[in-house]
Amino acid sequence: MSTEIPVERQLRADARRNRARVLAAAEEVFAEFGVHAGIELIAHRAGVGVGTVCRNFATKEDLIAEVLTARGEAMLDEARAALVEDDPAAAFERFMVAAASRAAGYRALAEEMAARGEVPIREDLRQQLTDALDQLVRRAQRAGALRTDVTTADIKLILSGLAQAAVTPGEESSRERFLRVVLDGLRPAQA
């Protein structure tokens, strides 16, 4: 049994508040400007000094990982919610639309997915997300709503492509059309 105390519990109340403010500000800044935004802007938005950001996160990559982990957890929650829906076809499509929408509204997530092919998150969370996607794919295939040759790796690649489309300048309607073309291509010929 681990005796490690979570970082949030080790900190004083004011330090916990500052850490939460930094995370909230980073979420906003990365959503708006992507991962290339500076620590100074995050500190300014949080109402703290750059030193406070650096005390809480040794590197900018650590801060990005923490923020994106929260996004990965939200994606996992969405996948799990889709798994308990009665209609596997509708659940799969809703999940894909939500994932594309999330990427469009969160520049850092889109950039990281486009650059790496998936979100840089903790390995256990990555595995849970992969397992949930596997189940979504199999359910949709059994329902006849998804081609039988589609794999979870394909879905990850498609999500990465959708993320890239989300950060590519263009009209919202063209991104939505792209998503619909992708979803149509995932359906079996008889569907």
C-alpha atoms as a PDB file:
ATOM      1  CA  MET A   1       0.000   0.000   0.000  1.00  0.00           C
ATOM      2  CA  SER A   2       1.384   3.387  -0.968  1.00  0.00           C
ATOM      3  CA  THR A   3       1.981   5.900   1.782  1.00  0.00           C
ATOM      4  CA  GLU A   4       2.427   8.812  -0.592  1.00  0.00           C
ATOM      5  CA  ILE A   5       0.199  11.769   0.172  1.00  0.00           C
ATOM      6  CA  PRO A   6      -1.243  13.487  -2.918  1.00  0.00           C
ATOM      7  CA  VAL A   7       0.477  16.802  -3.716  1.00  0.00           C
ATOM      8  CA  GLU A   8      -2.716  18.730  -2.977  1.00  0.00           C
ATOM      9  CA  ARG A   9      -2.895  17.353   0.602  1.00  0.00           C
ATOM     10  CA  GLN A  10       0.770  18.156   1.334  1.00  0.00           C
ATOM     11  CA  LEU A  11       0.320  21.860   0.617  1.00  0.00           C
ATOM     12  CA  ARG A  12      -0.930  24.614   2.905  1.00  0.00           C
ATOM     13  CA  ALA A  13      -4.385  25.965   2.134  1.00  0.00           C
ATOM     14  CA  ASP A  14      -3.055  29.094   0.386  1.00  0.00           C
ATOM     15  CA  ALA A  15      -0.592  27.019  -1.636  1.00  0.00           C
ATOM     16  CA  ARG A  16      -3.432  24.663  -2.659  1.00  0.00           C
ATOM     17  CA  ARG A  17      -5.480  27.660  -3.789  1.00  0.00           C
ATOM     18  CA  ASN A  18      -2.540  29.024  -5.779  1.00  0.00           C
ATOM     19  CA  ARG A  19      -1.952  25.640  -7.403  1.00  0.00           C
ATOM     20  CA  ALA A  20      -5.650  25.424  -8.338  1.00  0.00           C
ATOM     21  CA  ARG A  21      -5.520  28.972  -9.753  1.00  0.00           C
ATOM     22  CA  VAL A  22      -2.436  28.089 -11.824  1.00  0.00           C
ATOM     23  CA  LEU A  23      -4.150  24.971 -13.192  1.00  0.00           C
ATOM     24  CA  ALA A  24      -7.329  26.889 -14.038  1.00  0.00           C
ATOM     25  CA  ALA A  25      -5.334  29.649 -15.730  1.00  0.00           C
ATOM     26  CA  ALA A  26      -3.224  27.110 -17.629  1.00  0.00           C
ATOM     27  CA  GLU A  27      -6.401  25.378 -18.805  1.00  0.00           C
ATOM     28  CA  GLU A  28      -7.714  28.679 -20.189  1.00  0.00           C
ATOM     29  CA  VAL A  29      -4.432  29.785 -21.731  1.00  0.00           C
ATOM     30  CA  PHE A  30      -3.654  26.426 -23.329  1.00  0.00           C
ATOM     31  CA  ALA A  31      -7.212  26.233 -24.662  1.00  0.00           C
ATOM     32  CA  GLU A  32      -6.902  29.652 -26.230  1.00  0.00           C
ATOM     33  CA  PHE A  33      -3.259  29.769 -27.357  1.00  0.00           C
ATOM     34  CA  GLY A  34      -2.035  26.171 -27.331  1.00  0.00           C
ATOM     35  CA  VAL A  35       0.981  24.671 -25.621  1.00  0.00           C
ATOM     36  CA  HIS A  36       3.359  27.331 -26.919  1.00  0.00           C
ATOM     37  CA  ALA A  37       1.838  29.945 -24.611  1.00  0.00           C
ATOM     38  CA  GLY A  38       4.281  31.293 -22.052  1.00  0.00           C
ATOM     39  CA  ILE A  39       4.393  30.611 -18.337  1.00  0.00           C
ATOM     40  CA  GLU A  40       4.310  34.380 -17.788  1.00  0.00           C
ATOM     41  CA  LEU A  41       0.848  34.605 -19.323  1.00  0.00           C
ATOM     42  CA  ILE A  42      -0.373  31.705 -17.180  1.00  0.00           C
ATOM     43  CA  ALA A  43       1.047  33.343 -14.034  1.00  0.00           C
ATOM     44  CA  HIS A  44      -0.564  36.660 -14.966  1.00  0.00           C
ATOM     45  CA  ARG A  45      -3.970  35.026 -15.547  1.00  0.00           C
ATOM     46  CA  ALA A  46      -3.671  33.149 -12.266  1.00  0.00           C
ATOM     47  CA  GLY A  47      -2.740  36.321 -10.395  1.00  0.00           C
ATOM     48  CA  VAL A  48       0.499  34.800  -9.121  1.00  0.00           C
ATOM     49  CA  GLY A  49       4.188  35.190  -9.849  1.00  0.00           C
ATOM     50  CA  VAL A  50       6.135  33.024 -12.276  1.00  0.00           C
ATOM     51  CA  GLY A  51       7.938  31.560  -9.248  1.00  0.00           C
ATOM     52  CA  THR A  52       4.641  30.201  -7.925  1.00  0.00           C
ATOM     53  CA  VAL A  53       4.027  28.416 -11.205  1.00  0.00           C
ATOM     54  CA  CYS A  54       7.556  26.990 -11.155  1.00  0.00           C
ATOM     55  CA  ARG A  55       7.270  25.866  -7.505  1.00  0.00           C
ATOM     56  CA  ASN A  56       4.164  23.876  -8.389  1.00  0.00           C
ATOM     57  CA  PHE A  57       5.371  22.514 -11.727  1.00  0.00           C
ATOM     58  CA  ALA A  58       9.063  21.860 -12.260  1.00  0.00           C
ATOM     59  CA  THR A  59       8.726  22.190 -16.029  1.00  0.00           C
ATOM     60  CA  LYS A  60       6.206  23.541 -18.472  1.00  0.00           C
ATOM     61  CA  GLU A  61       5.795  19.962 -19.734  1.00  0.00           C
ATOM     62  CA  ASP A  62       4.703  18.914 -16.216  1.00  0.00           C
ATOM     63  CA  LEU A  63       2.057  21.647 -16.241  1.00  0.00           C
ATOM     64  CA  ILE A  64       0.876  20.647 -19.724  1.00  0.00           C
ATOM     65  CA  ALA A  65       0.711  16.992 -18.668  1.00  0.00           C
ATOM     66  CA  GLU A  66      -1.349  17.837 -15.579  1.00  0.00           C
ATOM     67  CA  VAL A  67      -3.832  19.919 -17.565  1.00  0.00           C
ATOM     68  CA  LEU A  68      -4.087  17.346 -20.356  1.00  0.00           C
ATOM     69  CA  THR A  69      -4.526  14.543 -17.841  1.00  0.00           C
ATOM     70  CA  ALA A  70      -7.668  16.284 -16.627  1.00  0.00           C
ATOM     71  CA  ARG A  71      -8.818  16.414 -20.260  1.00  0.00           C
ATOM     72  CA  GLY A  72      -7.972  12.722 -20.673  1.00  0.00           C
ATOM     73  CA  GLU A  73     -10.025  11.902 -17.580  1.00  0.00           C
ATOM     74  CA  ALA A  74     -12.970  13.820 -19.044  1.00  0.00           C
ATOM     75  CA  MET A  75     -12.596  11.864 -22.292  1.00  0.00           C
ATOM     76  CA  LEU A  76     -12.563   8.613 -20.320  1.00  0.00           C
ATOM     77  CA  ASP A  77     -15.740   9.661 -18.519  1.00  0.00           C
ATOM     78  CA  GLU A  78     -17.393  10.362 -21.885  1.00  0.00           C
ATOM     79  CA  ALA A  79     -16.307   6.983 -23.243  1.00  0.00           C
ATOM     80  CA  ARG A  80     -17.619   5.190 -20.164  1.00  0.00           C
ATOM     81  CA  ALA A  81     -20.908   7.058 -20.393  1.00  0.00           C
ATOM     82  CA  ALA A  82     -21.189   5.994 -24.030  1.00  0.00           C
ATOM     83  CA  LEU A  83     -20.629   2.369 -23.004  1.00  0.00           C
ATOM     84  CA  VAL A  84     -23.769   2.303 -20.880  1.00  0.00           C
ATOM     85  CA  GLU A  85     -26.022   3.850 -23.540  1.00  0.00           C
ATOM     86  CA  ASP A  86     -28.570   1.471 -25.046  1.00  0.00           C
ATOM     87  CA  ASP A  87     -27.812   2.264 -28.692  1.00  0.00           C
ATOM     88  CA  PRO A  88     -24.149   1.384 -29.457  1.00  0.00           C
ATOM     89  CA  ALA A  89     -24.233   3.112 -32.856  1.00  0.00           C
ATOM     90  CA  ALA A  90     -25.552   6.400 -31.479  1.00  0.00           C
ATOM     91  CA  ALA A  91     -23.196   6.164 -28.494  1.00  0.00           C
ATOM     92  CA  PHE A  92     -20.151   5.699 -30.740  1.00  0.00           C
ATOM     93  CA  GLU A  93     -21.136   8.611 -32.957  1.00  0.00           C
ATOM     94  CA  ARG A  94     -21.865  10.882 -29.968  1.00  0.00           C
ATOM     95  CA  PHE A  95     -18.458  10.027 -28.516  1.00  0.00           C
ATOM     96  CA  MET A  96     -16.676  10.834 -31.796  1.00  0.00           C
ATOM     97  CA  VAL A  97     -18.571  14.121 -32.208  1.00  0.00           C
ATOM     98  CA  ALA A  98     -17.790  15.069 -28.587  1.00  0.00           C
ATOM     99  CA  ALA A  99     -14.102  14.211 -29.046  1.00  0.00           C
ATOM    100  CA  ALA A 100     -13.911  16.350 -32.200  1.00  0.00           C
ATOM    101  CA  SER A 101     -15.735  19.177 -30.475  1.00  0.00           C
ATOM    102  CA  ARG A 102     -13.417  18.962 -27.471  1.00  0.00           C
ATOM    103  CA  ALA A 103     -10.377  19.185 -29.730  1.00  0.00           C
ATOM    104  CA  ALA A 104     -11.826  22.173 -31.575  1.00  0.00           C
ATOM    105  CA  GLY A 105     -12.444  24.009 -28.304  1.00  0.00           C
ATOM    106  CA  TYR A 106      -9.107  23.179 -26.731  1.00  0.00           C
ATOM    107  CA  ARG A 107      -6.102  24.097 -28.816  1.00  0.00           C
ATOM    108  CA  ALA A 108      -3.474  22.412 -26.592  1.00  0.00           C
ATOM    109  CA  LEU A 109      -5.293  19.094 -26.725  1.00  0.00           C
ATOM    110  CA  ALA A 110      -5.609  19.324 -30.491  1.00  0.00           C
ATOM    111  CA  GLU A 111      -1.930  20.238 -30.899  1.00  0.00           C
ATOM    112  CA  GLU A 112      -0.712  17.408 -28.696  1.00  0.00           C
ATOM    113  CA  MET A 113      -2.995  14.829 -30.332  1.00  0.00           C
ATOM    114  CA  ALA A 114      -1.902  15.990 -33.767  1.00  0.00           C
ATOM    115  CA  ALA A 115       1.795  15.935 -32.829  1.00  0.00           C
ATOM    116  CA  ARG A 116       1.850  12.674 -30.853  1.00  0.00           C
ATOM    117  CA  GLY A 117      -1.149  10.734 -32.108  1.00  0.00           C
ATOM    118  CA  GLU A 118      -2.664  10.713 -28.629  1.00  0.00           C
ATOM    119  CA  VAL A 119      -2.793  12.781 -25.483  1.00  0.00           C
ATOM    120  CA  PRO A 120       0.334  12.710 -23.283  1.00  0.00           C
ATOM    121  CA  ILE A 121      -1.224  11.358 -20.098  1.00  0.00           C
ATOM    122  CA  ARG A 122      -0.400   8.903 -17.319  1.00  0.00           C
ATOM    123  CA  GLU A 123       0.065   5.348 -18.587  1.00  0.00           C
ATOM    124  CA  ASP A 124      -2.743   3.943 -16.409  1.00  0.00           C
ATOM    125  CA  LEU A 125      -5.174   6.544 -17.734  1.00  0.00           C
ATOM    126  CA  ARG A 126      -4.016   5.892 -21.302  1.00  0.00           C
ATOM    127  CA  GLN A 127      -4.689   2.166 -20.815  1.00  0.00           C
ATOM    128  CA  GLN A 128      -8.141   2.803 -19.337  1.00  0.00           C
ATOM    129  CA  LEU A 129      -8.983   5.062 -22.265  1.00  0.00           C
ATOM    130  CA  THR A 130      -7.735   2.467 -24.761  1.00  0.00           C
ATOM    131  CA  ASP A 131      -9.818  -0.220 -23.039  1.00  0.00           C
ATOM    132  CA  ALA A 132     -12.930   1.973 -23.156  1.00  0.00           C
ATOM    133  CA  LEU A 133     -12.337   2.752 -26.848  1.00  0.00           C
ATOM    134  CA  ASP A 134     -11.882  -0.980 -27.535  1.00  0.00           C
ATOM    135  CA  GLN A 135     -15.260  -1.644 -25.967  1.00  0.00           C
ATOM    136  CA  LEU A 136     -16.926   1.207 -27.883  1.00  0.00           C
ATOM    137  CA  VAL A 137     -15.525  -0.116 -31.156  1.00  0.00           C
ATOM    138  CA  ARG A 138     -16.591  -3.717 -30.483  1.00  0.00           C
ATOM    139  CA  ARG A 139     -20.092  -2.666 -29.392  1.00  0.00           C
ATOM    140  CA  ALA A 140     -20.584  -0.551 -32.519  1.00  0.00           C
ATOM    141  CA  GLN A 141     -19.261  -3.389 -34.705  1.00  0.00           C
ATOM    142  CA  ARG A 142     -21.611  -5.934 -33.101  1.00  0.00           C
ATOM    143  CA  ALA A 143     -24.489  -3.527 -33.718  1.00  0.00           C
ATOM    144  CA  GLY A 144     -23.538  -3.360 -37.408  1.00  0.00           C
ATOM    145  CA  ALA A 145     -22.792   0.359 -37.180  1.00  0.00           C
ATOM    146  CA  LEU A 146     -19.028   0.172 -37.635  1.00  0.00           C
ATOM    147  CA  ARG A 147     -16.934  -1.661 -40.227  1.00  0.00           C
ATOM    148  CA  THR A 148     -15.501  -4.903 -38.859  1.00  0.00           C
ATOM    149  CA  ASP A 149     -11.978  -4.028 -40.010  1.00  0.00           C
ATOM    150  CA  VAL A 150     -11.839  -0.831 -37.917  1.00  0.00           C
ATOM    151  CA  THR A 151      -9.517  -1.061 -34.906  1.00  0.00           C
ATOM    152  CA  THR A 152      -9.007   1.061 -31.824  1.00  0.00           C
ATOM    153  CA  ALA A 153      -5.684   2.157 -33.328  1.00  0.00           C
ATOM    154  CA  ASP A 154      -7.650   3.433 -36.341  1.00  0.00           C
ATOM    155  CA  ILE A 155      -9.954   5.407 -34.046  1.00  0.00           C
ATOM    156  CA  LYS A 156      -6.975   6.960 -32.249  1.00  0.00           C
ATOM    157  CA  LEU A 157      -5.480   7.955 -35.591  1.00  0.00           C
ATOM    158  CA  ILE A 158      -8.816   9.390 -36.721  1.00  0.00           C
ATOM    159  CA  LEU A 159      -9.141  11.359 -33.470  1.00  0.00           C
ATOM    160  CA  SER A 160      -5.636  12.698 -34.062  1.00  0.00           C
ATOM    161  CA  GLY A 161      -6.622  13.744 -37.580  1.00  0.00           C
ATOM    162  CA  LEU A 162      -9.776  15.387 -36.301  1.00  0.00           C
ATOM    163  CA  ALA A 163      -7.653  17.237 -33.744  1.00  0.00           C
ATOM    164  CA  GLN A 164      -5.368  18.453 -36.526  1.00  0.00           C
ATOM    165  CA  ALA A 165      -8.402  19.609 -38.506  1.00  0.00           C
ATOM    166  CA  ALA A 166      -9.588  21.461 -35.404  1.00  0.00           C
ATOM    167  CA  VAL A 167      -6.457  23.633 -35.252  1.00  0.00           C
ATOM    168  CA  THR A 168      -6.191  24.152 -39.003  1.00  0.00           C
ATOM    169  CA  PRO A 169      -7.594  27.541 -39.992  1.00  0.00           C
ATOM    170  CA  GLY A 170     -10.904  27.218 -41.743  1.00  0.00           C
ATOM    171  CA  GLU A 171     -14.599  27.426 -41.301  1.00  0.00           C
ATOM    172  CA  GLU A 172     -16.429  25.507 -38.599  1.00  0.00           C
ATOM    173  CA  SER A 173     -18.730  24.046 -41.259  1.00  0.00           C
ATOM    174  CA  SER A 174     -15.779  22.509 -43.137  1.00  0.00           C
ATOM    175  CA  ARG A 175     -14.563  20.806 -39.934  1.00  0.00           C
ATOM    176  CA  GLU A 176     -18.061  19.458 -39.290  1.00  0.00           C
ATOM    177  CA  ARG A 177     -18.257  18.218 -42.877  1.00  0.00           C
ATOM    178  CA  PHE A 178     -14.879  16.504 -42.468  1.00  0.00           C
ATOM    179  CA  LEU A 179     -16.152  14.743 -39.331  1.00  0.00           C
ATOM    180  CA  ARG A 180     -19.276  13.571 -41.178  1.00  0.00           C
ATOM    181  CA  VAL A 181     -17.168  12.247 -44.078  1.00  0.00           C
ATOM    182  CA  VAL A 182     -15.017  10.313 -41.585  1.00  0.00           C
ATOM    183  CA  LEU A 183     -18.035   8.904 -39.740  1.00  0.00           C
ATOM    184  CA  ASP A 184     -19.666   7.877 -43.033  1.00  0.00           C
ATOM    185  CA  GLY A 185     -16.452   6.104 -44.031  1.00  0.00           C
ATOM    186  CA  LEU A 186     -16.446   4.099 -40.795  1.00  0.00           C
ATOM    187  CA  ARG A 187     -19.881   2.622 -41.479  1.00  0.00           C
ATOM    188  CA  PRO A 188     -20.241  -0.742 -43.228  1.00  0.00           C
ATOM    189  CA  ALA A 189     -21.215  -0.537 -46.902  1.00  0.00           C
ATOM    190  CA  GLN A 190     -24.700  -1.913 -46.195  1.00  0.00           C
ATOM    191  CA  ALA A 191     -25.325   0.767 -43.571  1.00  0.00           C
END
